[in-house]
């Protein structure tokens, strides 16, 4: 069984969402210390890729909208 029907036979389709990460942490007795999206858009050769303002915007957007289709980063910790 596939979680997502759109995944090819050996294709990669990410299924991590902020909710899934939080649920996974709770199910394992962990706390979410950090959870953010990574970017709005990246494209090789895009004229803004080397701009500091574009990088800041991408990081801000990822933090504000972590469910946006992109990468998701998290840190989980054992409670003290």
PDB file of N, CA and C in Angstrom:
ATOM      1  N   UNK A   1       0.836  -1.197   0.000  1.00  0.00           N
ATOM      2  CA  UNK A   1       0.000   0.000   0.000  1.00  0.00           C
ATOM      3  C   UNK A   1       0.872   1.248   0.000  1.00  0.00           C
ATOM      4  N   UNK A   2       0.492   2.204  -0.812  1.00  0.00           N
ATOM      5  CA  UNK A   2       1.189   3.480  -0.860  1.00  0.00           C
ATOM      6  C   UNK A   2       0.418   4.504  -0.036  1.00  0.00           C
ATOM      7  N   UNK A   3       1.150   5.377   0.614  1.00  0.00           N
ATOM      8  CA  UNK A   3       0.491   6.466   1.334  1.00  0.00           C
ATOM      9  C   UNK A   3      -0.097   7.443   0.328  1.00  0.00           C
ATOM     10  N   UNK A   4       0.665   7.704  -0.736  1.00  0.00           N
ATOM     11  CA  UNK A   4       0.184   8.591  -1.796  1.00  0.00           C
ATOM     12  C   UNK A   4       0.133   7.830  -3.108  1.00  0.00           C
ATOM     13  N   UNK A   5      -0.995   7.878  -3.749  1.00  0.00           N
ATOM     14  CA  UNK A   5      -1.187   7.147  -5.006  1.00  0.00           C
ATOM     15  C   UNK A   5      -0.350   7.715  -6.146  1.00  0.00           C
ATOM     16  N   UNK A   6       0.103   8.978  -6.015  1.00  0.00           N
ATOM     17  CA  UNK A   6       0.864   9.607  -7.096  1.00  0.00           C
ATOM     18  C   UNK A   6       2.326   9.181  -7.130  1.00  0.00           C
ATOM     19  N   UNK A   7       2.795   8.471  -6.115  1.00  0.00           N
ATOM     20  CA  UNK A   7       4.186   8.026  -6.107  1.00  0.00           C
ATOM     21  C   UNK A   7       4.380   6.932  -7.143  1.00  0.00           C
ATOM     22  N   UNK A   8       5.454   7.044  -7.910  1.00  0.00           N
ATOM     23  CA  UNK A   8       5.773   6.009  -8.885  1.00  0.00           C
ATOM     24  C   UNK A   8       6.253   4.754  -8.162  1.00  0.00           C
ATOM     25  N   UNK A   9       6.587   3.719  -8.925  1.00  0.00           N
ATOM     26  CA  UNK A   9       7.006   2.452  -8.322  1.00  0.00           C
ATOM     27  C   UNK A   9       8.146   2.652  -7.325  1.00  0.00           C
ATOM     28  N   UNK A  10       9.152   3.413  -7.717  1.00  0.00           N
ATOM     29  CA  UNK A  10      10.265   3.698  -6.817  1.00  0.00           C
ATOM     30  C   UNK A  10      10.427   5.197  -6.619  1.00  0.00           C
ATOM     31  N   UNK A  11       9.379   5.959  -6.905  1.00  0.00           N
ATOM     32  CA  UNK A  11       9.449   7.411  -6.803  1.00  0.00           C
ATOM     33  C   UNK A  11       9.408   7.899  -5.366  1.00  0.00           C
ATOM     34  N   UNK A  12       9.911   9.093  -5.183  1.00  0.00           N
ATOM     35  CA  UNK A  12       9.935   9.711  -3.863  1.00  0.00           C
ATOM     36  C   UNK A  12       8.834  10.757  -3.780  1.00  0.00           C
ATOM     37  N   UNK A  13       7.936  10.571  -2.859  1.00  0.00           N
ATOM     38  CA  UNK A  13       6.916  11.567  -2.568  1.00  0.00           C
ATOM     39  C   UNK A  13       6.915  11.749  -1.059  1.00  0.00           C
ATOM     40  N   UNK A  14       7.259  12.933  -0.619  1.00  0.00           N
ATOM     41  CA  UNK A  14       7.338  13.206   0.810  1.00  0.00           C
ATOM     42  C   UNK A  14       5.955  13.186   1.437  1.00  0.00           C
ATOM     43  N   UNK A  15       5.859  12.613   2.606  1.00  0.00           N
ATOM     44  CA  UNK A  15       4.578  12.566   3.305  1.00  0.00           C
ATOM     45  C   UNK A  15       4.675  13.228   4.678  1.00  0.00           C
ATOM     46  N   UNK A  16       5.756  13.946   4.938  1.00  0.00           N
ATOM     47  CA  UNK A  16       5.878  14.637   6.211  1.00  0.00           C
ATOM     48  C   UNK A  16       5.188  15.984   6.144  1.00  0.00           C
ATOM     49  N   UNK A  17       4.310  16.213   7.090  1.00  0.00           N
ATOM     50  CA  UNK A  17       3.639  17.499   7.256  1.00  0.00           C
ATOM     51  C   UNK A  17       3.916  17.949   8.687  1.00  0.00           C
ATOM     52  N   UNK A  18       3.726  19.231   9.001  1.00  0.00           N
ATOM     53  CA  UNK A  18       3.923  19.653  10.392  1.00  0.00           C
ATOM     54  C   UNK A  18       3.084  18.831  11.372  1.00  0.00           C
ATOM     55  N   UNK A  19       1.850  18.542  11.014  1.00  0.00           N
ATOM     56  CA  UNK A  19       0.987  17.742  11.897  1.00  0.00           C
ATOM     57  C   UNK A  19       1.559  16.342  12.083  1.00  0.00           C
ATOM     58  N   UNK A  20       2.026  15.736  11.016  1.00  0.00           N
ATOM     59  CA  UNK A  20       2.578  14.383  11.108  1.00  0.00           C
ATOM     60  C   UNK A  20       3.831  14.359  11.978  1.00  0.00           C
ATOM     61  N   UNK A  21       4.666  15.386  11.862  1.00  0.00           N
ATOM     62  CA  UNK A  21       5.873  15.454  12.693  1.00  0.00           C
ATOM     63  C   UNK A  21       5.493  15.605  14.164  1.00  0.00           C
ATOM     64  N   UNK A  22       4.529  16.489  14.454  1.00  0.00           N
ATOM     65  CA  UNK A  22       4.080  16.669  15.843  1.00  0.00           C
ATOM     66  C   UNK A  22       3.465  15.381  16.398  1.00  0.00           C
ATOM     67  N   UNK A  23       2.652  14.718  15.594  1.00  0.00           N
ATOM     68  CA  UNK A  23       2.042  13.451  16.021  1.00  0.00           C
ATOM     69  C   UNK A  23       3.106  12.383  16.265  1.00  0.00           C
ATOM     70  N   UNK A  24       4.113  12.321  15.386  1.00  0.00           N
ATOM     71  CA  UNK A  24       5.196  11.357  15.522  1.00  0.00           C
ATOM     72  C   UNK A  24       5.972  11.620  16.814  1.00  0.00           C
ATOM     73  N   UNK A  25       6.228  12.888  17.108  1.00  0.00           N
ATOM     74  CA  UNK A  25       6.937  13.242  18.337  1.00  0.00           C
ATOM     75  C   UNK A  25       6.127  12.821  19.560  1.00  0.00           C
ATOM     76  N   UNK A  26       4.851  13.170  19.577  1.00  0.00           N
ATOM     77  CA  UNK A  26       3.986  12.836  20.718  1.00  0.00           C
ATOM     78  C   UNK A  26       3.898  11.327  20.925  1.00  0.00           C
ATOM     79  N   UNK A  27       3.798  10.575  19.846  1.00  0.00           N
ATOM     80  CA  UNK A  27       3.681   9.117  19.937  1.00  0.00           C
ATOM     81  C   UNK A  27       4.942   8.475  20.505  1.00  0.00           C
ATOM     82  N   UNK A  28       6.067   9.196  20.421  1.00  0.00           N
ATOM     83  CA  UNK A  28       7.335   8.651  20.899  1.00  0.00           C
ATOM     84  C   UNK A  28       7.856   9.362  22.144  1.00  0.00           C
ATOM     85  N   UNK A  29       6.993  10.157  22.775  1.00  0.00           N
ATOM     86  CA  UNK A  29       7.374  10.833  24.008  1.00  0.00           C
ATOM     87  C   UNK A  29       8.402  11.928  23.826  1.00  0.00           C
ATOM     88  N   UNK A  30       8.417  12.549  22.663  1.00  0.00           N
ATOM     89  CA  UNK A  30       9.382  13.606  22.375  1.00  0.00           C
ATOM     90  C   UNK A  30       8.685  14.958  22.276  1.00  0.00           C
ATOM     91  N   UNK A  31       9.472  16.017  22.422  1.00  0.00           N
ATOM     92  CA  UNK A  31       8.964  17.375  22.263  1.00  0.00           C
ATOM     93  C   UNK A  31       9.510  17.965  20.973  1.00  0.00           C
ATOM     94  N   UNK A  32       8.684  18.741  20.287  1.00  0.00           N
ATOM     95  CA  UNK A  32       9.138  19.438  19.085  1.00  0.00           C
ATOM     96  C   UNK A  32       9.837  20.710  19.543  1.00  0.00           C
ATOM     97  N   UNK A  33      11.146  20.758  19.327  1.00  0.00           N
ATOM     98  CA  UNK A  33      11.924  21.926  19.726  1.00  0.00           C
ATOM     99  C   UNK A  33      11.963  22.960  18.607  1.00  0.00           C
ATOM    100  N   UNK A  34      11.952  22.494  17.368  1.00  0.00           N
ATOM    101  CA  UNK A  34      12.083  23.378  16.211  1.00  0.00           C
ATOM    102  C   UNK A  34      11.360  22.728  15.046  1.00  0.00           C
ATOM    103  N   UNK A  35      10.541  23.517  14.333  1.00  0.00           N
ATOM    104  CA  UNK A  35       9.823  23.004  13.167  1.00  0.00           C
ATOM    105  C   UNK A  35       9.594  24.163  12.213  1.00  0.00           C
ATOM    106  N   UNK A  36      10.102  24.045  11.005  1.00  0.00           N
ATOM    107  CA  UNK A  36       9.945  25.123  10.036  1.00  0.00           C
ATOM    108  C   UNK A  36       9.980  24.576   8.621  1.00  0.00           C
ATOM    109  N   UNK A  37       9.378  25.316   7.721  1.00  0.00           N
ATOM    110  CA  UNK A  37       9.526  25.044   6.303  1.00  0.00           C
ATOM    111  C   UNK A  37      10.826  25.679   5.839  1.00  0.00           C
ATOM    112  N   UNK A  38      11.269  25.351   4.647  1.00  0.00           N
ATOM    113  CA  UNK A  38      12.562  25.834   4.197  1.00  0.00           C
ATOM    114  C   UNK A  38      12.499  26.970   3.190  1.00  0.00           C
ATOM    115  N   UNK A  39      11.497  26.983   2.332  1.00  0.00           N
ATOM    116  CA  UNK A  39      11.533  27.979   1.270  1.00  0.00           C
ATOM    117  C   UNK A  39      10.192  28.102   0.573  1.00  0.00           C
ATOM    118  N   UNK A  40      10.052  29.189  -0.167  1.00  0.00           N
ATOM    119  CA  UNK A  40       8.898  29.403  -1.042  1.00  0.00           C
ATOM    120  C   UNK A  40       9.168  28.766  -2.395  1.00  0.00           C
ATOM    121  N   UNK A  41      10.331  29.100  -2.983  1.00  0.00           N
ATOM    122  CA  UNK A  41      10.669  28.577  -4.307  1.00  0.00           C
ATOM    123  C   UNK A  41      12.180  28.585  -4.487  1.00  0.00           C
ATOM    124  N   UNK A  42      12.683  27.511  -5.061  1.00  0.00           N
ATOM    125  CA  UNK A  42      14.088  27.462  -5.478  1.00  0.00           C
ATOM    126  C   UNK A  42      14.113  26.967  -6.909  1.00  0.00           C
ATOM    127  N   UNK A  43      14.963  27.580  -7.706  1.00  0.00           N
ATOM    128  CA  UNK A  43      15.094  27.162  -9.098  1.00  0.00           C
ATOM    129  C   UNK A  43      16.516  27.450  -9.548  1.00  0.00           C
ATOM    130  N   UNK A  44      17.204  26.424  -9.996  1.00  0.00           N
ATOM    131  CA  UNK A  44      18.577  26.583 -10.456  1.00  0.00           C
ATOM    132  C   UNK A  44      18.620  27.609 -11.584  1.00  0.00           C
ATOM    133  N   UNK A  45      19.519  28.560 -11.446  1.00  0.00           N
ATOM    134  CA  UNK A  45      19.677  29.581 -12.471  1.00  0.00           C
ATOM    135  C   UNK A  45      18.740  30.770 -12.322  1.00  0.00           C
ATOM    136  N   UNK A  46      17.832  30.738 -11.347  1.00  0.00           N
ATOM    137  CA  UNK A  46      16.906  31.852 -11.124  1.00  0.00           C
ATOM    138  C   UNK A  46      17.720  33.072 -10.720  1.00  0.00           C
ATOM    139  N   UNK A  47      17.441  34.212 -11.320  1.00  0.00           N
ATOM    140  CA  UNK A  47      18.283  35.390 -11.138  1.00  0.00           C
ATOM    141  C   UNK A  47      18.318  35.904  -9.692  1.00  0.00           C
ATOM    142  N   UNK A  48      17.355  35.555  -8.881  1.00  0.00           N
ATOM    143  CA  UNK A  48      17.341  36.012  -7.488  1.00  0.00           C
ATOM    144  C   UNK A  48      18.021  35.047  -6.515  1.00  0.00           C
ATOM    145  N   UNK A  49      18.434  33.881  -6.988  1.00  0.00           N
ATOM    146  CA  UNK A  49      18.975  32.851  -6.097  1.00  0.00           C
ATOM    147  C   UNK A  49      20.127  33.343  -5.220  1.00  0.00           C
ATOM    148  N   UNK A  50      20.941  34.270  -5.691  1.00  0.00           N
ATOM    149  CA  UNK A  50      22.088  34.744  -4.915  1.00  0.00           C
ATOM    150  C   UNK A  50      21.807  36.041  -4.166  1.00  0.00           C
ATOM    151  N   UNK A  51      20.565  36.460  -4.123  1.00  0.00           N
ATOM    152  CA  UNK A  51      20.190  37.702  -3.452  1.00  0.00           C
ATOM    153  C   UNK A  51      19.934  37.453  -1.963  1.00  0.00           C
ATOM    154  N   UNK A  52      20.503  38.314  -1.106  1.00  0.00           N
ATOM    155  CA  UNK A  52      20.266  38.197   0.336  1.00  0.00           C
ATOM    156  C   UNK A  52      18.788  38.397   0.656  1.00  0.00           C
ATOM    157  N   UNK A  53      18.158  39.354  -0.027  1.00  0.00           N
ATOM    158  CA  UNK A  53      16.738  39.608   0.222  1.00  0.00           C
ATOM    159  C   UNK A  53      15.885  38.406  -0.159  1.00  0.00           C
ATOM    160  N   UNK A  54      16.213  37.753  -1.269  1.00  0.00           N
ATOM    161  CA  UNK A  54      15.464  36.566  -1.692  1.00  0.00           C
ATOM    162  C   UNK A  54      15.632  35.444  -0.673  1.00  0.00           C
ATOM    163  N   UNK A  55      16.855  35.265  -0.188  1.00  0.00           N
ATOM    164  CA  UNK A  55      17.117  34.230   0.813  1.00  0.00           C
ATOM    165  C   UNK A  55      16.330  34.516   2.088  1.00  0.00           C
ATOM    166  N   UNK A  56      16.350  35.761   2.531  1.00  0.00           N
ATOM    167  CA  UNK A  56      15.593  36.124   3.736  1.00  0.00           C
ATOM    168  C   UNK A  56      14.101  35.899   3.529  1.00  0.00           C
ATOM    169  N   UNK A  57      13.586  36.281   2.357  1.00  0.00           N
ATOM    170  CA  UNK A  57      12.168  36.069   2.070  1.00  0.00           C
ATOM    171  C   UNK A  57      11.842  34.576   2.097  1.00  0.00           C
ATOM    172  N   UNK A  58      12.665  33.768   1.443  1.00  0.00           N
ATOM    173  CA  UNK A  58      12.425  32.324   1.407  1.00  0.00           C
ATOM    174  C   UNK A  58      12.402  31.730   2.816  1.00  0.00           C
ATOM    175  N   UNK A  59      13.345  32.127   3.666  1.00  0.00           N
ATOM    176  CA  UNK A  59      13.390  31.610   5.035  1.00  0.00           C
ATOM    177  C   UNK A  59      12.191  32.090   5.847  1.00  0.00           C
ATOM    178  N   UNK A  60      11.815  33.359   5.676  1.00  0.00           N
ATOM    179  CA  UNK A  60      10.635  33.890   6.364  1.00  0.00           C
ATOM    180  C   UNK A  60       9.390  33.126   5.926  1.00  0.00           C
ATOM    181  N   UNK A  61       9.238  32.932   4.614  1.00  0.00           N
ATOM    182  CA  UNK A  61       8.067  32.237   4.086  1.00  0.00           C
ATOM    183  C   UNK A  61       7.989  30.813   4.630  1.00  0.00           C
ATOM    184  N   UNK A  62       9.127  30.125   4.645  1.00  0.00           N
ATOM    185  CA  UNK A  62       9.154  28.761   5.171  1.00  0.00           C
ATOM    186  C   UNK A  62       8.740  28.694   6.631  1.00  0.00           C
ATOM    187  N   UNK A  63       9.144  29.705   7.415  1.00  0.00           N
ATOM    188  CA  UNK A  63       8.765  29.738   8.830  1.00  0.00           C
ATOM    189  C   UNK A  63       7.278  30.040   9.009  1.00  0.00           C
ATOM    190  N   UNK A  64       6.739  30.909   8.173  1.00  0.00           N
ATOM    191  CA  UNK A  64       5.332  31.298   8.284  1.00  0.00           C
ATOM    192  C   UNK A  64       4.375  30.231   7.744  1.00  0.00           C
ATOM    193  N   UNK A  65       4.814  29.514   6.709  1.00  0.00           N
ATOM    194  CA  UNK A  65       3.954  28.539   6.028  1.00  0.00           C
ATOM    195  C   UNK A  65       4.682  27.200   5.877  1.00  0.00           C
ATOM    196  N   UNK A  66       4.913  26.484   6.994  1.00  0.00           N
ATOM    197  CA  UNK A  66       5.694  25.249   6.917  1.00  0.00           C
ATOM    198  C   UNK A  66       5.040  24.132   6.107  1.00  0.00           C
ATOM    199  N   UNK A  67       3.752  24.237   5.837  1.00  0.00           N
ATOM    200  CA  UNK A  67       3.091  23.185   5.048  1.00  0.00           C
ATOM    201  C   UNK A  67       3.223  23.398   3.552  1.00  0.00           C
ATOM    202  N   UNK A  68       3.782  24.516   3.140  1.00  0.00           N
ATOM    203  CA  UNK A  68       3.966  24.798   1.716  1.00  0.00           C
ATOM    204  C   UNK A  68       4.842  23.704   1.118  1.00  0.00           C
ATOM    205  N   UNK A  69       4.558  23.303  -0.118  1.00  0.00           N
ATOM    206  CA  UNK A  69       5.369  22.233  -0.720  1.00  0.00           C
ATOM    207  C   UNK A  69       6.838  22.625  -0.838  1.00  0.00           C
ATOM    208  N   UNK A  70       7.610  22.120   0.004  1.00  0.00           N
ATOM    209  CA  UNK A  70       9.048  22.358   0.035  1.00  0.00           C
ATOM    210  C   UNK A  70       9.637  21.409   1.050  1.00  0.00           C
ATOM    211  N   UNK A  71      10.761  21.762   1.588  1.00  0.00           N
ATOM    212  CA  UNK A  71      11.375  20.922   2.603  1.00  0.00           C
ATOM    213  C   UNK A  71      10.871  21.332   3.973  1.00  0.00           C
ATOM    214  N   UNK A  72      10.872  20.390   4.878  1.00  0.00           N
ATOM    215  CA  UNK A  72      10.455  20.629   6.254  1.00  0.00           C
ATOM    216  C   UNK A  72      11.606  20.198   7.150  1.00  0.00           C
ATOM    217  N   UNK A  73      11.996  21.068   8.073  1.00  0.00           N
ATOM    218  CA  UNK A  73      13.083  20.757   8.996  1.00  0.00           C
ATOM    219  C   UNK A  73      12.545  20.740  10.414  1.00  0.00           C
ATOM    220  N   UNK A  74      13.032  19.801  11.222  1.00  0.00           N
ATOM    221  CA  UNK A  74      12.581  19.740  12.606  1.00  0.00           C
ATOM    222  C   UNK A  74      13.670  19.190  13.506  1.00  0.00           C
ATOM    223  N   UNK A  75      13.524  19.523  14.801  1.00  0.00           N
ATOM    224  CA  UNK A  75      14.372  18.966  15.854  1.00  0.00           C
ATOM    225  C   UNK A  75      13.430  18.456  16.936  1.00  0.00           C
ATOM    226  N   UNK A  76      13.598  17.207  17.310  1.00  0.00           N
ATOM    227  CA  UNK A  76      12.813  16.600  18.379  1.00  0.00           C
ATOM    228  C   UNK A  76      13.756  16.280  19.538  1.00  0.00           C
ATOM    229  N   UNK A  77      13.288  16.481  20.757  1.00  0.00           N
ATOM    230  CA  UNK A  77      14.111  16.220  21.943  1.00  0.00           C
ATOM    231  C   UNK A  77      13.328  15.414  22.973  1.00  0.00           C
ATOM    232  N   UNK A  78      14.080  14.660  23.772  1.00  0.00           N
ATOM    233  CA  UNK A  78      13.478  14.004  24.932  1.00  0.00           C
ATOM    234  C   UNK A  78      13.202  15.087  25.967  1.00  0.00           C
ATOM    235  N   UNK A  79      12.044  15.022  26.634  1.00  0.00           N
ATOM    236  CA  UNK A  79      11.780  16.013  27.687  1.00  0.00           C
ATOM    237  C   UNK A  79      12.769  15.838  28.841  1.00  0.00           C
ATOM    238  N   UNK A  80      13.111  16.934  29.484  1.00  0.00           N
ATOM    239  CA  UNK A  80      14.054  16.873  30.620  1.00  0.00           C
ATOM    240  C   UNK A  80      13.359  16.430  31.881  1.00  0.00           C
TER     241      UNK A  80
END
